[in-house]
Amino acid sequence: MPWKSMIVNSLNEAFAAAGAAAWGGLPFSELAADMTAESVQKAEELCPTPKTVLVAAFPYYAGEREGNLSLYARGLDYHTVVTGRLNTICNFLSEKYENSRFLPGADNSPLPERQAAWRCGVGLRGKNGLVIVPPYGSYVFLGTILTDAELDLPEHTPAPDCIGCGKCLSACPGGALGERGVEVSRCLSELTQKKGALTAEEASLLKAHPLIWGCDRCQQVCPYNSAPALSPLPEFREGLVDSLAPADLEGLTNRTFRAKYGDRSFAWRGPAPLRRNLEL
């Protein structure tokens, strides 16, 4: 079997074993077209002479459950989970390319994960800016691996757009979605995480919002999410925190809050935004 086919087959097996629903890869130089000069510089500081980017999607949907936290935030912190699973791929590649660096990232690197996934054809381009990976829909976390190894990967085809029904655009409670993209300042997921004082309009939006962290509305109305497959990953299926009540946060300092909830992605801002949102 040719070396290229051996590597691709081995990576297929490695990503599947790591729990990825799909994966792809592309030259760093190609992805750099979607990056700012500052982001390119940061990537090069992390990995001098970067050559290749791998990207993978990890499903997190655990079913429809009552609660006031976004579905993505109910399991263990995806930054930790996805990075840990990507590390198994990095370890595998390090054995094949002994003198190369392999750096995992999950929403905490200068690489534009969604653009990487779209360029590789990992998932469809949703009008809400999300990556759609059937049968899991858009309920996936993305992770990347940046390396200075020039991996001989198969040709990739950019992902097509979704069907363009526009349901996510019309359902967005903050009016953040449009044909030109996402206006982050009006996204309720962003507003729930905002620290400090809110404007009267922002407070009004949050008062009408059923969640105290995140927003799932554009995903809930998406046809690709009408019957999503459940995640096979136990970190996102077991021991879920569906809701928080005022009593759950009562008397907690920043330190004790992190001791109690530090393994959850809703904890990164501390208890203050959560308390504010509960009051609203």
Protein backbone atom coordinates (compact mmCIF):
# COMPACT_ATOMS: atom_id res chain seq x y z
CA MET A 1 0.00 0.00 0.00
CA PRO A 2 1.39 3.45 -0.91
CA TRP A 3 2.63 5.56 2.03
CA LYS A 4 -0.05 8.20 1.39
CA SER A 5 -2.86 5.63 1.57
CA MET A 6 -1.36 4.13 4.72
CA ILE A 7 -1.29 7.51 6.49
CA VAL A 8 -4.85 8.39 5.44
CA ASN A 9 -6.20 5.01 6.51
CA SER A 10 -4.34 5.25 9.80
CA LEU A 11 -5.70 8.74 10.40
CA ASN A 12 -9.22 7.56 9.60
CA GLU A 13 -8.85 4.91 12.29
CA ALA A 14 -7.18 7.28 14.77
CA PHE A 15 -9.82 9.99 14.44
CA ALA A 16 -12.62 7.43 14.69
CA ALA A 17 -11.04 5.98 17.82
CA ALA A 18 -10.81 9.50 19.26
CA GLY A 19 -14.55 9.96 18.80
CA ALA A 20 -14.52 12.33 15.83
CA ALA A 21 -17.54 12.26 13.54
CA ALA A 22 -15.53 13.66 10.62
CA TRP A 23 -12.10 15.10 9.93
CA GLY A 24 -10.08 16.74 7.20
CA GLY A 25 -6.84 18.52 6.53
CA LEU A 26 -5.39 21.30 4.42
CA PRO A 27 -2.16 23.26 3.96
CA PHE A 28 -1.70 26.07 6.45
CA SER A 29 -0.98 28.45 3.57
CA GLU A 30 -4.51 27.85 2.26
CA LEU A 31 -6.17 28.49 5.63
CA ALA A 32 -4.06 31.63 6.09
CA ALA A 33 -6.21 33.28 3.44
CA ASP A 34 -9.03 33.33 6.03
CA MET A 35 -6.81 34.67 8.82
CA THR A 36 -5.72 38.13 9.88
CA ALA A 37 -2.03 38.98 9.83
CA GLU A 38 -2.09 38.95 13.62
CA SER A 39 -3.59 35.45 13.72
CA VAL A 40 -1.03 34.16 11.23
CA GLN A 41 1.75 35.63 13.37
CA LYS A 42 0.35 33.99 16.52
CA ALA A 43 0.12 30.64 14.75
CA GLU A 44 3.72 30.95 13.59
CA GLU A 45 4.81 31.80 17.14
CA LEU A 46 3.16 28.60 18.37
CA CYS A 47 4.51 26.52 15.49
CA PRO A 48 7.35 28.01 13.44
CA THR A 49 6.99 27.21 9.72
CA PRO A 50 3.49 25.68 10.01
CA LYS A 51 2.67 23.40 7.10
CA THR A 52 -0.58 21.56 7.79
CA VAL A 53 -3.84 21.99 9.69
CA LEU A 54 -6.08 19.07 10.65
CA VAL A 55 -9.64 19.72 11.80
CA ALA A 56 -12.18 17.36 13.36
CA ALA A 57 -15.79 17.50 14.58
CA PHE A 58 -16.89 15.92 17.88
CA PRO A 59 -20.64 15.42 18.53
CA TYR A 60 -22.16 16.63 21.80
CA TYR A 61 -25.96 16.27 21.48
CA ALA A 62 -27.43 14.42 24.48
CA GLY A 63 -31.11 14.76 23.64
CA GLU A 64 -33.76 17.36 24.43
CA ARG A 65 -33.77 18.01 28.17
CA GLU A 66 -35.36 20.74 30.26
CA GLY A 67 -32.89 23.28 31.58
CA ASN A 68 -31.66 26.87 31.49
CA LEU A 69 -28.16 26.20 30.14
CA SER A 70 -27.30 25.84 26.47
CA LEU A 71 -27.00 22.22 25.38
CA TYR A 72 -23.31 22.62 24.61
CA ALA A 73 -22.53 23.73 28.18
CA ARG A 74 -24.17 20.89 30.11
CA GLY A 75 -21.44 18.28 29.77
CA LEU A 76 -17.78 18.58 30.65
CA ASP A 77 -15.84 21.55 29.31
CA TYR A 78 -15.36 20.89 25.60
CA HIS A 79 -12.01 22.70 25.56
CA THR A 80 -10.57 20.03 27.85
CA VAL A 81 -12.41 17.09 26.32
CA VAL A 82 -11.64 17.87 22.68
CA THR A 83 -8.00 18.75 23.43
CA GLY A 84 -7.57 15.47 25.27
CA ARG A 85 -9.03 13.49 22.40
CA LEU A 86 -6.91 15.37 19.86
CA ASN A 87 -3.83 14.56 21.91
CA THR A 88 -4.30 10.89 21.00
CA ILE A 89 -3.98 11.91 17.34
CA CYS A 90 -0.94 14.05 18.12
CA ASN A 91 0.72 11.14 19.90
CA PHE A 92 0.04 8.86 16.95
CA LEU A 93 1.49 11.36 14.47
CA SER A 94 4.51 12.08 16.68
CA GLU A 95 5.49 8.44 16.35
CA LYS A 96 5.36 8.72 12.54
CA TYR A 97 7.00 12.16 12.32
CA GLU A 98 9.49 12.20 15.18
CA ASN A 99 10.98 15.62 14.48
CA SER A 100 7.70 17.48 13.98
CA ARG A 101 5.41 19.41 16.30
CA PHE A 102 1.68 18.71 16.67
CA LEU A 103 -0.35 21.27 18.59
CA PRO A 104 -4.02 20.61 19.44
CA GLY A 105 -6.52 23.42 19.87
CA ALA A 106 -10.21 23.72 20.72
CA ASP A 107 -11.65 27.21 20.49
CA ASN A 108 -8.45 28.53 22.04
CA SER A 109 -6.03 28.89 19.14
CA PRO A 110 -5.54 31.53 16.43
CA LEU A 111 -6.81 29.10 13.79
CA PRO A 112 -10.31 29.76 12.38
CA GLU A 113 -11.84 26.35 13.05
CA ARG A 114 -15.05 26.77 11.09
CA GLN A 115 -13.25 28.06 8.02
CA ALA A 116 -10.88 25.10 8.24
CA ALA A 117 -13.80 22.69 8.47
CA TRP A 118 -15.60 24.31 5.55
CA ARG A 119 -12.48 24.38 3.37
CA CYS A 120 -11.92 20.67 4.07
CA GLY A 121 -15.53 19.71 3.43
CA VAL A 122 -15.98 18.42 6.98
CA GLY A 123 -19.48 19.89 7.19
CA LEU A 124 -22.01 22.10 5.45
CA ARG A 125 -21.95 25.90 5.79
CA GLY A 126 -24.93 26.93 7.88
CA LYS A 127 -26.37 30.42 7.43
CA ASN A 128 -25.93 30.85 11.18
CA GLY A 129 -22.19 30.43 10.75
CA LEU A 130 -22.11 26.91 12.17
CA VAL A 131 -20.72 23.70 10.70
CA ILE A 132 -23.38 21.05 10.00
CA VAL A 133 -22.20 17.43 10.13
CA PRO A 134 -25.02 14.93 9.42
CA PRO A 135 -26.33 12.94 11.24
CA TYR A 136 -25.27 15.07 14.23
CA GLY A 137 -26.41 18.35 12.71
CA SER A 138 -24.66 21.43 14.03
CA TYR A 139 -24.31 19.95 17.52
CA VAL A 140 -20.57 19.43 17.16
CA PHE A 141 -17.44 20.91 18.68
CA LEU A 142 -14.50 21.59 16.41
CA GLY A 143 -10.86 21.00 17.18
CA THR A 144 -7.68 21.56 15.20
CA ILE A 145 -4.11 20.29 15.06
CA LEU A 146 -1.41 22.62 13.79
CA THR A 147 1.83 21.04 12.64
CA ASP A 148 5.08 21.81 10.86
CA ALA A 149 4.89 18.41 9.16
CA GLU A 150 3.86 18.48 5.52
CA LEU A 151 1.31 15.69 5.59
CA ASP A 152 0.41 14.04 2.32
CA LEU A 153 -3.36 14.25 2.58
CA PRO A 154 -6.05 13.51 0.00
CA GLU A 155 -7.56 16.25 -2.14
CA HIS A 156 -10.30 18.14 -0.34
CA THR A 157 -13.42 19.81 -1.67
CA PRO A 158 -14.87 22.89 0.08
CA ALA A 159 -18.18 22.28 1.82
CA PRO A 160 -21.40 23.31 0.10
CA ASP A 161 -23.88 25.66 1.72
CA CYS A 162 -26.89 24.39 3.64
CA ILE A 163 -30.30 24.37 1.91
CA GLY A 164 -30.70 28.05 2.78
CA CYS A 165 -34.23 27.85 4.20
CA GLY A 166 -33.57 30.94 6.35
CA LYS A 167 -35.28 29.56 9.45
CA CYS A 168 -32.27 30.33 11.64
CA LEU A 169 -32.21 33.93 10.44
CA SER A 170 -35.86 34.60 11.21
CA ALA A 171 -35.79 32.74 14.54
CA CYS A 172 -32.79 34.54 16.05
CA PRO A 173 -34.22 36.38 19.08
CA GLY A 174 -31.60 39.12 18.97
CA GLY A 175 -31.73 39.65 15.21
CA ALA A 176 -28.03 38.80 15.06
CA LEU A 177 -28.20 36.71 11.88
CA GLY A 178 -28.34 38.08 8.36
CA GLU A 179 -27.27 37.24 4.85
CA ARG A 180 -23.93 38.92 5.52
CA GLY A 181 -23.16 36.84 8.61
CA VAL A 182 -23.43 37.19 12.38
CA GLU A 183 -23.61 40.47 14.27
CA VAL A 184 -21.94 39.21 17.44
CA SER A 185 -23.06 42.15 19.58
CA ARG A 186 -26.70 41.05 19.15
CA CYS A 187 -26.13 37.32 19.67
CA LEU A 188 -27.81 36.17 22.89
CA SER A 189 -25.14 33.54 23.45
CA GLU A 190 -22.60 36.36 23.58
CA LEU A 191 -24.84 38.57 25.73
CA THR A 192 -25.30 35.86 28.37
CA GLN A 193 -21.52 35.73 28.73
CA LYS A 194 -20.95 39.47 28.77
CA LYS A 195 -19.36 40.85 31.91
CA GLY A 196 -20.27 44.17 33.47
CA ALA A 197 -23.25 46.40 32.87
CA LEU A 198 -25.79 45.74 30.15
CA THR A 199 -27.59 48.31 28.08
CA ALA A 200 -31.36 48.56 28.51
CA GLU A 201 -31.85 46.76 25.18
CA GLU A 202 -29.46 43.95 26.15
CA ALA A 203 -31.18 43.51 29.51
CA SER A 204 -34.56 43.38 27.78
CA LEU A 205 -33.33 40.66 25.41
CA LEU A 206 -32.01 38.57 28.28
CA LYS A 207 -35.22 38.97 30.30
CA ALA A 208 -37.14 37.33 27.48
CA HIS A 209 -34.52 34.62 26.96
CA PRO A 210 -35.16 31.19 28.57
CA LEU A 211 -31.47 30.40 29.07
CA ILE A 212 -28.99 31.95 31.49
CA TRP A 213 -26.02 30.78 29.44
CA GLY A 214 -25.79 30.45 25.69
CA CYS A 215 -28.56 30.24 23.10
CA ASP A 216 -29.75 27.25 21.07
CA ARG A 217 -32.55 28.87 19.08
CA CYS A 218 -30.95 28.95 15.64
CA GLN A 219 -29.97 25.31 16.03
CA GLN A 220 -33.36 24.17 17.30
CA VAL A 221 -35.16 25.43 14.18
CA CYS A 222 -32.57 24.09 11.73
CA PRO A 223 -33.92 21.22 9.54
CA TYR A 224 -30.60 19.43 9.85
CA ASN A 225 -31.20 19.26 13.61
CA SER A 226 -34.73 17.86 13.42
CA ALA A 227 -33.58 14.43 14.61
CA PRO A 228 -29.86 14.60 15.41
CA ALA A 229 -27.97 11.49 16.42
CA LEU A 230 -26.90 11.31 20.04
CA SER A 231 -23.25 11.85 20.86
CA PRO A 232 -21.31 8.65 21.53
CA LEU A 233 -18.93 10.55 23.82
CA PRO A 234 -19.58 9.98 27.54
CA GLU A 235 -18.15 13.37 28.54
CA PHE A 236 -21.12 15.00 26.77
CA ARG A 237 -23.76 12.39 27.63
CA GLU A 238 -23.25 11.66 31.33
CA GLY A 239 -23.27 13.72 34.52
CA LEU A 240 -24.93 16.67 32.83
CA VAL A 241 -25.75 19.95 34.56
CA ASP A 242 -29.00 21.01 32.90
CA SER A 243 -29.89 23.99 35.06
CA LEU A 244 -28.62 26.39 37.67
CA ALA A 245 -30.81 28.01 40.32
CA PRO A 246 -29.91 30.92 42.61
CA ALA A 247 -29.39 28.46 45.44
CA ASP A 248 -26.68 26.69 43.43
CA LEU A 249 -24.59 29.87 43.38
CA GLU A 250 -25.47 31.23 46.81
CA GLY A 251 -22.45 32.03 48.94
CA LEU A 252 -19.92 30.94 46.32
CA THR A 253 -16.80 33.01 45.86
CA ASN A 254 -14.96 32.93 42.54
CA ARG A 255 -12.66 30.33 44.04
CA THR A 256 -15.37 28.04 45.42
CA PHE A 257 -17.43 28.48 42.26
CA ARG A 258 -14.53 27.21 40.16
CA ALA A 259 -13.95 24.35 42.58
CA LYS A 260 -17.59 23.31 42.10
CA TYR A 261 -18.09 24.03 38.40
CA GLY A 262 -14.61 24.55 36.99
CA ASP A 263 -14.91 21.48 34.77
CA ARG A 264 -17.82 23.09 32.88
CA SER A 265 -17.56 25.53 29.99
CA PHE A 266 -20.08 27.92 31.59
CA ALA A 267 -17.63 28.57 34.44
CA TRP A 268 -15.00 30.55 32.57
CA ARG A 269 -16.60 33.94 33.31
CA GLY A 270 -17.14 33.18 37.00
CA PRO A 271 -20.48 33.37 38.83
CA ALA A 272 -21.29 37.06 38.28
CA PRO A 273 -22.86 36.86 34.76
CA LEU A 274 -24.85 33.79 35.80
CA ARG A 275 -26.22 35.53 38.89
CA ARG A 276 -27.14 38.58 36.83
CA ASN A 277 -28.87 36.50 34.20
CA LEU A 278 -30.80 34.56 36.85
CA GLU A 279 -32.01 37.82 38.36
CA LEU A 280 -33.17 39.03 34.96
